[in-house]
Amino acid sequence: VAAISSAARERPYMDLDRVGIIGHSFGGYFTVRALLQAPDFYKVGVASGIPEMDEQMSSIANEVYTGVLKDKEQFVQRYANYPLADKLKGHLLLAIQTSDSNTPAFGALKLIDALIAADKPHDVLMLPGANHHFRGSDRRYFYERAGAYFKEHLQGG
């Protein structure tokens, strides 16, 4: 938020009322995190290959970022997105690759369950059979949908 705001001070063409973010894998995690931690700043997010930092997440995948936390509840409270679901204000598109073994769908489903419980509208794009490194028509389709999502929700008026 600080970096984008700083850049906008010297770039009058940047519109801070229309800020979107996109990410895949840990970038997907941080896309969701950005919308939840800075809900008044980020208006639209598109996240794919979304890991959820919870007790199900492989420790080898996240200890490099989080350090070793022996208390699973402390880990979830510090790093999981789903406990923050009630903070969502912007538009969020979650893409789920059903054959993703790096970030299995259960993490995204846990987040979706929390968004539903918090009565927060969101959108889901299912990519049946797509793996973590989706390619070809799945990749093309995802980026076309992502572009359309940003256009729909960030158009200037």
Protein backbone atom coordinates (compact mmCIF):
# COMPACT_ATOMS: atom_id res chain seq x y z
CA VAL A 1 0.00 0.00 0.00
CA ALA A 2 2.78 2.41 0.92
CA ALA A 3 4.78 1.67 -2.24
CA ILE A 4 1.80 2.07 -4.57
CA SER A 5 0.69 5.24 -2.78
CA SER A 6 4.19 6.66 -3.01
CA ALA A 7 4.44 5.84 -6.71
CA ALA A 8 1.05 7.48 -7.34
CA ARG A 9 2.24 10.78 -5.88
CA GLU A 10 4.64 11.13 -8.82
CA ARG A 11 2.36 9.51 -11.40
CA PRO A 12 -0.91 11.41 -11.74
CA TYR A 13 -2.26 8.78 -14.16
CA MET A 14 -2.44 6.24 -11.33
CA ASP A 15 -5.94 6.01 -9.86
CA LEU A 16 -5.81 4.87 -6.24
CA ASP A 17 -9.58 4.38 -6.28
CA ARG A 18 -9.12 1.51 -8.76
CA VAL A 19 -6.35 -0.74 -7.44
CA GLY A 20 -6.36 -4.41 -8.38
CA ILE A 21 -4.01 -7.26 -7.59
CA ILE A 22 -3.40 -10.69 -9.13
CA GLY A 23 -1.30 -13.61 -7.95
CA HIS A 24 -0.69 -17.32 -8.33
CA SER A 25 0.49 -19.81 -5.69
CA PHE A 26 1.98 -17.82 -2.80
CA GLY A 27 1.10 -14.81 -4.95
CA GLY A 28 -2.50 -16.03 -4.76
CA TYR A 29 -2.21 -16.29 -0.99
CA PHE A 30 -0.86 -12.74 -0.82
CA THR A 31 -3.52 -11.47 -3.22
CA VAL A 32 -6.19 -12.70 -0.81
CA ARG A 33 -4.19 -11.38 2.14
CA ALA A 34 -3.96 -7.93 0.55
CA LEU A 35 -7.74 -7.71 0.11
CA LEU A 36 -8.28 -8.83 3.69
CA GLN A 37 -5.62 -6.66 5.35
CA ALA A 38 -6.12 -3.51 3.26
CA PRO A 39 -9.79 -3.78 2.28
CA ASP A 40 -10.21 -0.05 1.67
CA PHE A 41 -7.21 0.09 -0.68
CA TYR A 42 -7.47 -3.02 -2.89
CA LYS A 43 -10.74 -3.07 -4.83
CA VAL A 44 -10.30 -6.24 -6.90
CA GLY A 45 -8.22 -9.37 -6.56
CA VAL A 46 -7.75 -12.47 -8.71
CA ALA A 47 -6.04 -15.41 -7.01
CA SER A 48 -5.13 -18.83 -8.39
CA GLY A 49 -3.26 -21.84 -7.01
CA ILE A 50 -4.19 -20.57 -3.57
CA PRO A 51 -2.47 -22.16 -0.59
CA GLU A 52 -4.11 -21.71 2.78
CA MET A 53 -1.70 -21.34 5.63
CA ASP A 54 -3.24 -23.72 8.13
CA GLU A 55 -2.61 -26.94 9.94
CA GLN A 56 -2.98 -28.85 6.65
CA MET A 57 -0.19 -26.93 4.90
CA SER A 58 3.06 -28.81 4.50
CA SER A 59 5.56 -27.32 6.93
CA ILE A 60 8.44 -27.70 4.50
CA ALA A 61 6.65 -25.37 2.08
CA ASN A 62 6.17 -22.56 4.55
CA GLU A 63 8.85 -22.77 7.24
CA VAL A 64 11.27 -20.88 5.02
CA TYR A 65 8.84 -17.92 5.27
CA THR A 66 7.32 -18.38 8.71
CA GLY A 67 9.98 -20.10 10.76
CA VAL A 68 9.15 -23.20 12.74
CA LEU A 69 5.98 -22.81 14.77
CA LYS A 70 5.17 -25.78 16.93
CA ASP A 71 1.79 -24.43 18.04
CA LYS A 72 -0.64 -25.07 15.16
CA GLU A 73 -3.29 -22.71 16.56
CA GLN A 74 -0.71 -19.90 16.76
CA PHE A 75 0.29 -20.64 13.18
CA VAL A 76 -3.31 -20.49 11.93
CA GLN A 77 -4.06 -17.26 13.80
CA ARG A 78 -0.92 -15.60 12.47
CA TYR A 79 -0.91 -16.78 8.85
CA ALA A 80 -4.26 -18.20 7.73
CA ASN A 81 -6.51 -16.04 5.55
CA TYR A 82 -9.81 -17.68 6.39
CA PRO A 83 -10.07 -16.20 9.93
CA LEU A 84 -10.01 -12.75 8.25
CA ALA A 85 -12.79 -13.52 5.74
CA ASP A 86 -15.16 -11.01 7.34
CA LYS A 87 -12.78 -8.18 6.33
CA LEU A 88 -13.40 -8.60 2.58
CA LYS A 89 -14.88 -5.50 0.92
CA GLY A 90 -13.65 -5.72 -2.67
CA HIS A 91 -14.31 -8.12 -5.49
CA LEU A 92 -12.46 -11.43 -5.28
CA LEU A 93 -12.14 -14.10 -7.95
CA LEU A 94 -10.68 -17.39 -6.71
CA ALA A 95 -9.46 -19.80 -9.39
CA ILE A 96 -9.26 -23.44 -8.35
CA GLN A 97 -7.31 -26.02 -10.35
CA THR A 98 -8.89 -29.34 -9.41
CA SER A 99 -5.76 -31.42 -10.06
CA ASP A 100 -3.36 -29.13 -8.23
CA SER A 101 -1.14 -31.24 -5.97
CA ASN A 102 0.98 -28.25 -4.84
CA THR A 103 -1.95 -26.31 -3.41
CA PRO A 104 -4.88 -28.73 -3.19
CA ALA A 105 -8.38 -27.31 -3.50
CA PHE A 106 -9.20 -27.91 0.17
CA GLY A 107 -7.32 -24.74 1.14
CA ALA A 108 -9.36 -22.59 -1.22
CA LEU A 109 -12.52 -24.40 -0.13
CA LYS A 110 -11.77 -23.57 3.50
CA LEU A 111 -11.47 -19.91 2.50
CA ILE A 112 -14.68 -20.09 0.45
CA ASP A 113 -16.49 -21.66 3.42
CA ALA A 114 -15.31 -18.78 5.64
CA LEU A 115 -16.38 -16.18 3.06
CA ILE A 116 -19.84 -17.77 2.88
CA ALA A 117 -20.10 -17.87 6.69
CA ALA A 118 -19.15 -14.16 6.77
CA ASP A 119 -21.74 -13.44 4.03
CA LYS A 120 -19.04 -12.01 1.76
CA PRO A 121 -19.73 -12.14 -1.98
CA HIS A 122 -16.93 -13.63 -4.06
CA ASP A 123 -16.52 -15.43 -7.36
CA VAL A 124 -15.05 -18.83 -8.13
CA LEU A 125 -13.54 -20.07 -11.38
CA MET A 126 -13.14 -23.85 -11.52
CA LEU A 127 -10.50 -25.27 -13.84
CA PRO A 128 -11.28 -29.02 -13.94
CA GLY A 129 -8.21 -31.19 -14.43
CA ALA A 130 -5.81 -28.25 -14.33
CA ASN A 131 -2.70 -28.65 -12.20
CA HIS A 132 -0.68 -26.03 -10.33
CA HIS A 133 1.23 -24.97 -13.44
CA PHE A 134 -1.82 -24.79 -15.66
CA ARG A 135 -0.97 -24.43 -19.33
CA GLY A 136 -2.53 -24.24 -22.75
CA SER A 137 -6.25 -23.62 -22.91
CA ASP A 138 -6.58 -23.56 -19.09
CA ARG A 139 -3.97 -20.80 -18.85
CA ARG A 140 -5.49 -18.82 -21.71
CA TYR A 141 -8.99 -19.17 -20.26
CA PHE A 142 -7.82 -18.10 -16.79
CA TYR A 143 -6.09 -14.95 -18.03
CA GLU A 144 -9.03 -14.03 -20.26
CA ARG A 145 -11.40 -14.37 -17.28
CA ALA A 146 -9.00 -12.45 -15.02
CA GLY A 147 -8.77 -9.61 -17.54
CA ALA A 148 -12.54 -9.50 -17.91
CA TYR A 149 -12.93 -9.49 -14.11
CA PHE A 150 -10.61 -6.50 -13.71
CA LYS A 151 -12.31 -4.68 -16.58
CA GLU A 152 -15.76 -5.29 -15.10
CA HIS A 153 -14.86 -4.19 -11.57
CA LEU A 154 -12.24 -1.48 -12.14
CA GLN A 155 -13.76 0.47 -15.04
CA GLY A 156 -13.59 4.20 -14.51
CA GLY A 157 -16.79 6.15 -14.51
